[in-house]
Amino acid sequence: VRFTPEQIVARAVSKLGHAEYHILNDNCESFSRWCVTGNATSHQALSVGVGLGVGFLTLITGTSPIGAILATVVAAKAWDWSHNRSSKRTDGQFRSLPSSSSIPQIEPSSSSEE
């Protein structure tokens, strides 16, 4: 599912004031993916988990710490590349963005600072 640019903006605006943040499952990537597709998955956060798992398994099988670190980085980057490639995001749908007049304008809140 991919929402239209107008729907994406409306979905993003609907989250204004949302103050919850979690590095793994409620971060900027999961927010942007949710706005566009409705799926709040963060592939970057998942790649860290995959990398750490591979690194840990490599370490407990007797590989040197340097080898385990290398395996962690390579596994995380490979997983992220295979699940988060730009070729999956550039299908031309967003070449024509809505005009600025159709995007809701948000007025800054006035605060009385003295």
N, C-alpha and C. Protein backbone atom coordinates (compact mmCIF):
# COMPACT_ATOMS: atom_id res chain seq x y z
N VAL A 1 0.85 -1.18 0.00
CA VAL A 1 0.00 0.00 0.00
C VAL A 1 0.89 1.23 0.00
N ARG A 2 0.58 2.15 -0.88
CA ARG A 2 1.25 3.46 -0.88
C ARG A 2 0.17 4.52 -0.92
N PHE A 3 0.28 5.46 -0.01
CA PHE A 3 -0.70 6.53 0.05
C PHE A 3 -0.32 7.64 -0.93
N THR A 4 -1.29 8.45 -1.29
CA THR A 4 -1.02 9.59 -2.17
C THR A 4 -0.25 10.64 -1.38
N PRO A 5 0.41 11.56 -2.07
CA PRO A 5 1.14 12.62 -1.35
C PRO A 5 0.25 13.38 -0.37
N GLU A 6 -0.99 13.66 -0.75
CA GLU A 6 -1.90 14.38 0.15
C GLU A 6 -2.20 13.54 1.40
N GLN A 7 -2.41 12.24 1.21
CA GLN A 7 -2.66 11.36 2.35
C GLN A 7 -1.44 11.25 3.25
N ILE A 8 -0.26 11.23 2.64
CA ILE A 8 0.98 11.14 3.42
C ILE A 8 1.12 12.36 4.33
N VAL A 9 0.86 13.54 3.76
CA VAL A 9 0.94 14.76 4.55
C VAL A 9 -0.09 14.73 5.68
N ALA A 10 -1.30 14.30 5.37
CA ALA A 10 -2.35 14.23 6.40
C ALA A 10 -1.97 13.25 7.50
N ARG A 11 -1.38 12.12 7.12
CA ARG A 11 -0.96 11.14 8.13
C ARG A 11 0.16 11.72 9.01
N ALA A 12 1.10 12.43 8.40
CA ALA A 12 2.19 13.05 9.17
C ALA A 12 1.64 14.10 10.13
N VAL A 13 0.73 14.94 9.64
CA VAL A 13 0.14 15.98 10.48
C VAL A 13 -0.64 15.36 11.64
N SER A 14 -1.25 14.20 11.40
CA SER A 14 -2.03 13.56 12.46
C SER A 14 -1.16 13.14 13.65
N LYS A 15 0.13 13.05 13.43
CA LYS A 15 1.04 12.64 14.51
C LYS A 15 1.70 13.82 15.22
N LEU A 16 1.32 15.04 14.85
CA LEU A 16 1.89 16.20 15.55
C LEU A 16 1.57 16.11 17.03
N GLY A 17 2.56 16.36 17.84
CA GLY A 17 2.39 16.27 19.29
C GLY A 17 2.73 14.91 19.85
N HIS A 18 2.94 13.93 18.99
CA HIS A 18 3.32 12.58 19.43
C HIS A 18 4.72 12.67 20.02
N ALA A 19 4.84 12.43 21.29
CA ALA A 19 6.12 12.63 21.96
C ALA A 19 6.84 11.32 22.29
N GLU A 20 6.26 10.20 21.96
CA GLU A 20 6.92 8.91 22.24
C GLU A 20 8.05 8.70 21.24
N TYR A 21 9.17 8.19 21.70
CA TYR A 21 10.28 7.87 20.82
C TYR A 21 10.98 6.65 21.37
N HIS A 22 11.29 5.72 20.50
CA HIS A 22 12.06 4.55 20.88
C HIS A 22 13.00 4.26 19.72
N ILE A 23 14.27 4.12 20.02
CA ILE A 23 15.28 3.96 18.97
C ILE A 23 15.03 2.77 18.06
N LEU A 24 14.40 1.70 18.58
CA LEU A 24 14.20 0.51 17.77
C LEU A 24 12.84 0.44 17.08
N ASN A 25 11.76 0.85 17.75
CA ASN A 25 10.45 0.61 17.14
C ASN A 25 9.54 1.83 17.06
N ASP A 26 10.03 3.01 17.37
CA ASP A 26 9.23 4.23 17.18
C ASP A 26 10.21 5.37 16.90
N ASN A 27 10.84 5.31 15.73
CA ASN A 27 11.88 6.27 15.38
C ASN A 27 11.51 7.01 14.09
N CYS A 28 12.40 7.84 13.61
CA CYS A 28 12.09 8.65 12.43
C CYS A 28 11.86 7.79 11.19
N GLU A 29 12.61 6.71 11.02
CA GLU A 29 12.40 5.86 9.85
C GLU A 29 11.05 5.15 9.92
N SER A 30 10.71 4.64 11.10
CA SER A 30 9.41 3.96 11.22
C SER A 30 8.26 4.95 11.01
N PHE A 31 8.44 6.20 11.47
CA PHE A 31 7.42 7.23 11.25
C PHE A 31 7.25 7.53 9.76
N SER A 32 8.35 7.76 9.07
CA SER A 32 8.23 8.09 7.64
C SER A 32 7.67 6.92 6.84
N ARG A 33 8.07 5.70 7.18
CA ARG A 33 7.54 4.53 6.48
C ARG A 33 6.05 4.37 6.75
N TRP A 34 5.63 4.65 8.01
CA TRP A 34 4.20 4.57 8.35
C TRP A 34 3.40 5.61 7.56
N CYS A 35 3.95 6.81 7.43
CA CYS A 35 3.24 7.86 6.67
C CYS A 35 3.01 7.44 5.23
N VAL A 36 3.99 6.79 4.63
CA VAL A 36 3.93 6.44 3.21
C VAL A 36 3.19 5.13 2.96
N THR A 37 3.43 4.11 3.80
CA THR A 37 2.91 2.77 3.50
C THR A 37 1.95 2.21 4.53
N GLY A 38 1.91 2.80 5.73
CA GLY A 38 1.09 2.25 6.80
C GLY A 38 1.81 1.21 7.63
N ASN A 39 3.03 0.85 7.22
CA ASN A 39 3.84 -0.13 7.95
C ASN A 39 4.95 0.61 8.68
N ALA A 40 4.98 0.52 9.99
CA ALA A 40 5.94 1.30 10.80
C ALA A 40 7.22 0.54 11.09
N THR A 41 7.73 -0.20 10.14
CA THR A 41 8.95 -0.98 10.32
C THR A 41 10.18 -0.10 10.10
N SER A 42 11.18 -0.28 10.92
CA SER A 42 12.46 0.40 10.72
C SER A 42 13.49 -0.65 10.29
N HIS A 43 13.81 -0.66 9.01
CA HIS A 43 14.78 -1.64 8.50
C HIS A 43 16.17 -1.40 9.07
N GLN A 44 16.50 -0.15 9.35
CA GLN A 44 17.82 0.13 9.92
C GLN A 44 17.92 -0.46 11.32
N ALA A 45 16.87 -0.31 12.12
CA ALA A 45 16.90 -0.88 13.47
C ALA A 45 16.95 -2.41 13.40
N LEU A 46 16.20 -2.99 12.48
CA LEU A 46 16.24 -4.45 12.33
C LEU A 46 17.62 -4.93 11.88
N SER A 47 18.28 -4.15 11.04
CA SER A 47 19.62 -4.55 10.58
C SER A 47 20.62 -4.56 11.72
N VAL A 48 20.45 -3.66 12.68
CA VAL A 48 21.32 -3.67 13.85
C VAL A 48 21.14 -4.98 14.62
N GLY A 49 19.88 -5.39 14.80
CA GLY A 49 19.60 -6.65 15.49
C GLY A 49 20.19 -7.84 14.76
N VAL A 50 20.04 -7.87 13.45
CA VAL A 50 20.62 -8.96 12.66
C VAL A 50 22.14 -8.96 12.79
N GLY A 51 22.75 -7.80 12.68
CA GLY A 51 24.20 -7.70 12.79
C GLY A 51 24.71 -8.15 14.14
N LEU A 52 24.04 -7.70 15.21
CA LEU A 52 24.45 -8.11 16.55
C LEU A 52 24.30 -9.61 16.75
N GLY A 53 23.23 -10.17 16.23
CA GLY A 53 23.02 -11.62 16.34
C GLY A 53 24.12 -12.40 15.64
N VAL A 54 24.45 -11.98 14.43
CA VAL A 54 25.51 -12.66 13.67
C VAL A 54 26.85 -12.48 14.38
N GLY A 55 27.11 -11.27 14.87
CA GLY A 55 28.36 -11.03 15.58
C GLY A 55 28.49 -11.88 16.83
N PHE A 56 27.38 -11.99 17.57
CA PHE A 56 27.40 -12.81 18.78
C PHE A 56 27.65 -14.28 18.44
N LEU A 57 26.94 -14.79 17.44
CA LEU A 57 27.14 -16.18 17.04
C LEU A 57 28.56 -16.43 16.55
N THR A 58 29.11 -15.46 15.83
CA THR A 58 30.48 -15.58 15.35
C THR A 58 31.45 -15.63 16.52
N LEU A 59 31.19 -14.79 17.52
CA LEU A 59 32.07 -14.72 18.68
C LEU A 59 32.04 -16.01 19.50
N ILE A 60 30.84 -16.57 19.71
CA ILE A 60 30.77 -17.78 20.55
C ILE A 60 31.26 -19.03 19.83
N THR A 61 31.46 -18.94 18.53
CA THR A 61 32.01 -20.09 17.81
C THR A 61 33.53 -20.06 17.75
N GLY A 62 34.14 -19.09 18.45
CA GLY A 62 35.59 -19.08 18.56
C GLY A 62 36.31 -18.09 17.68
N THR A 63 35.60 -17.26 16.96
CA THR A 63 36.26 -16.25 16.14
C THR A 63 36.81 -15.14 17.03
N SER A 64 37.83 -14.48 16.58
CA SER A 64 38.42 -13.38 17.34
C SER A 64 37.42 -12.24 17.47
N PRO A 65 37.58 -11.39 18.48
CA PRO A 65 36.69 -10.23 18.62
C PRO A 65 36.68 -9.34 17.38
N ILE A 66 37.82 -9.17 16.74
CA ILE A 66 37.88 -8.36 15.52
C ILE A 66 37.04 -9.01 14.42
N GLY A 67 37.15 -10.33 14.29
CA GLY A 67 36.34 -11.05 13.30
C GLY A 67 34.86 -10.93 13.60
N ALA A 68 34.49 -10.97 14.88
CA ALA A 68 33.09 -10.84 15.26
C ALA A 68 32.56 -9.45 14.95
N ILE A 69 33.39 -8.43 15.20
CA ILE A 69 32.98 -7.05 14.87
C ILE A 69 32.81 -6.90 13.37
N LEU A 70 33.73 -7.44 12.61
CA LEU A 70 33.63 -7.38 11.16
C LEU A 70 32.37 -8.09 10.67
N ALA A 71 32.10 -9.28 11.22
CA ALA A 71 30.90 -10.03 10.84
C ALA A 71 29.63 -9.24 11.19
N THR A 72 29.65 -8.55 12.34
CA THR A 72 28.50 -7.74 12.75
C THR A 72 28.21 -6.64 11.74
N VAL A 73 29.25 -5.91 11.37
CA VAL A 73 29.09 -4.80 10.43
C VAL A 73 28.66 -5.29 9.06
N VAL A 74 29.30 -6.33 8.57
CA VAL A 74 28.97 -6.86 7.24
C VAL A 74 27.53 -7.39 7.21
N ALA A 75 27.13 -8.12 8.23
CA ALA A 75 25.77 -8.67 8.27
C ALA A 75 24.73 -7.56 8.35
N ALA A 76 24.99 -6.55 9.18
CA ALA A 76 24.03 -5.45 9.32
C ALA A 76 23.89 -4.69 8.00
N LYS A 77 25.01 -4.38 7.36
CA LYS A 77 24.96 -3.64 6.09
C LYS A 77 24.31 -4.48 4.99
N ALA A 78 24.62 -5.75 4.93
CA ALA A 78 24.03 -6.61 3.90
C ALA A 78 22.53 -6.73 4.09
N TRP A 79 22.10 -6.90 5.34
CA TRP A 79 20.66 -7.02 5.60
C TRP A 79 19.96 -5.71 5.26
N ASP A 80 20.54 -4.58 5.68
CA ASP A 80 19.93 -3.29 5.39
C ASP A 80 19.88 -3.06 3.88
N TRP A 81 20.94 -3.37 3.17
CA TRP A 81 20.97 -3.17 1.72
C TRP A 81 19.90 -4.02 1.05
N SER A 82 19.73 -5.26 1.49
CA SER A 82 18.77 -6.14 0.82
C SER A 82 17.32 -5.77 1.14
N HIS A 83 17.07 -5.08 2.24
CA HIS A 83 15.70 -4.74 2.62
C HIS A 83 15.37 -3.26 2.47
N ASN A 84 16.34 -2.42 2.23
CA ASN A 84 16.12 -0.98 2.28
C ASN A 84 16.76 -0.29 1.08
N ARG A 85 16.74 -0.93 -0.07
CA ARG A 85 17.37 -0.36 -1.25
C ARG A 85 16.56 0.79 -1.81
N SER A 86 17.24 1.79 -2.32
CA SER A 86 16.55 2.95 -2.89
C SER A 86 15.77 2.55 -4.14
N SER A 87 16.16 1.47 -4.81
CA SER A 87 15.42 1.05 -6.01
C SER A 87 13.99 0.66 -5.66
N LYS A 88 13.76 0.27 -4.41
CA LYS A 88 12.40 -0.06 -4.00
C LYS A 88 11.58 1.18 -3.69
N ARG A 89 12.24 2.33 -3.52
CA ARG A 89 11.54 3.54 -3.13
C ARG A 89 11.34 4.51 -4.28
N THR A 90 12.05 4.35 -5.37
CA THR A 90 11.99 5.34 -6.44
C THR A 90 11.20 4.80 -7.63
N ASP A 91 9.92 4.66 -7.44
CA ASP A 91 9.07 4.17 -8.52
C ASP A 91 8.41 5.32 -9.28
N GLY A 92 8.84 6.55 -9.01
CA GLY A 92 8.31 7.69 -9.73
C GLY A 92 7.04 8.27 -9.13
N GLN A 93 6.49 7.66 -8.11
CA GLN A 93 5.22 8.12 -7.56
C GLN A 93 5.33 9.52 -6.97
N PHE A 94 6.47 9.89 -6.45
CA PHE A 94 6.57 11.16 -5.73
C PHE A 94 7.27 12.25 -6.54
N ARG A 95 7.35 12.09 -7.83
CA ARG A 95 7.95 13.14 -8.65
C ARG A 95 7.08 14.38 -8.68
N SER A 96 5.79 14.20 -8.53
CA SER A 96 4.87 15.32 -8.56
C SER A 96 4.27 15.47 -7.17
N LEU A 97 4.84 16.37 -6.40
CA LEU A 97 4.36 16.60 -5.06
C LEU A 97 3.20 17.59 -5.08
N PRO A 98 2.36 17.56 -4.05
CA PRO A 98 1.23 18.49 -4.03
C PRO A 98 1.73 19.92 -3.93
N SER A 99 0.93 20.83 -4.46
CA SER A 99 1.31 22.24 -4.37
C SER A 99 1.28 22.66 -2.91
N SER A 100 2.04 23.68 -2.61
CA SER A 100 2.13 24.11 -1.21
C SER A 100 0.79 24.60 -0.68
N SER A 101 -0.12 25.00 -1.57
CA SER A 101 -1.42 25.47 -1.10
C SER A 101 -2.29 24.33 -0.58
N SER A 102 -1.99 23.07 -1.02
CA SER A 102 -2.80 21.95 -0.54
C SER A 102 -2.21 21.31 0.71
N ILE A 103 -1.03 21.77 1.13
CA ILE A 103 -0.42 21.25 2.35
C ILE A 103 -0.88 22.10 3.52
N PRO A 104 -1.41 21.48 4.56
CA PRO A 104 -1.88 22.27 5.70
C PRO A 104 -0.75 23.09 6.30
N GLN A 105 -1.02 24.35 6.54
CA GLN A 105 -0.03 25.22 7.15
C GLN A 105 -0.19 25.19 8.66
N ILE A 106 0.91 25.11 9.36
CA ILE A 106 0.88 25.04 10.82
C ILE A 106 1.46 26.33 11.35
N GLU A 107 0.65 27.04 12.08
CA GLU A 107 1.08 28.29 12.66
C GLU A 107 1.88 28.02 13.92
N PRO A 108 2.99 28.73 14.10
CA PRO A 108 3.74 28.53 15.34
C PRO A 108 2.94 29.03 16.53
N SER A 109 3.07 28.34 17.62
CA SER A 109 2.33 28.74 18.81
C SER A 109 2.97 29.99 19.39
N SER A 110 2.13 30.89 19.83
CA SER A 110 2.67 32.13 20.41
C SER A 110 2.88 31.90 21.90
N SER A 111 4.06 32.26 22.33
CA SER A 111 4.36 32.12 23.75
C SER A 111 4.74 33.47 24.29
N SER A 112 4.34 33.74 25.48
CA SER A 112 4.65 35.04 26.07
C SER A 112 5.90 34.92 26.91
N GLU A 113 7.04 35.23 26.28
CA GLU A 113 8.30 35.19 26.98
C GLU A 113 8.62 36.57 27.49
N GLU A 114 8.91 36.68 28.75
CA GLU A 114 9.21 37.99 29.31
C GLU A 114 10.51 37.98 30.03
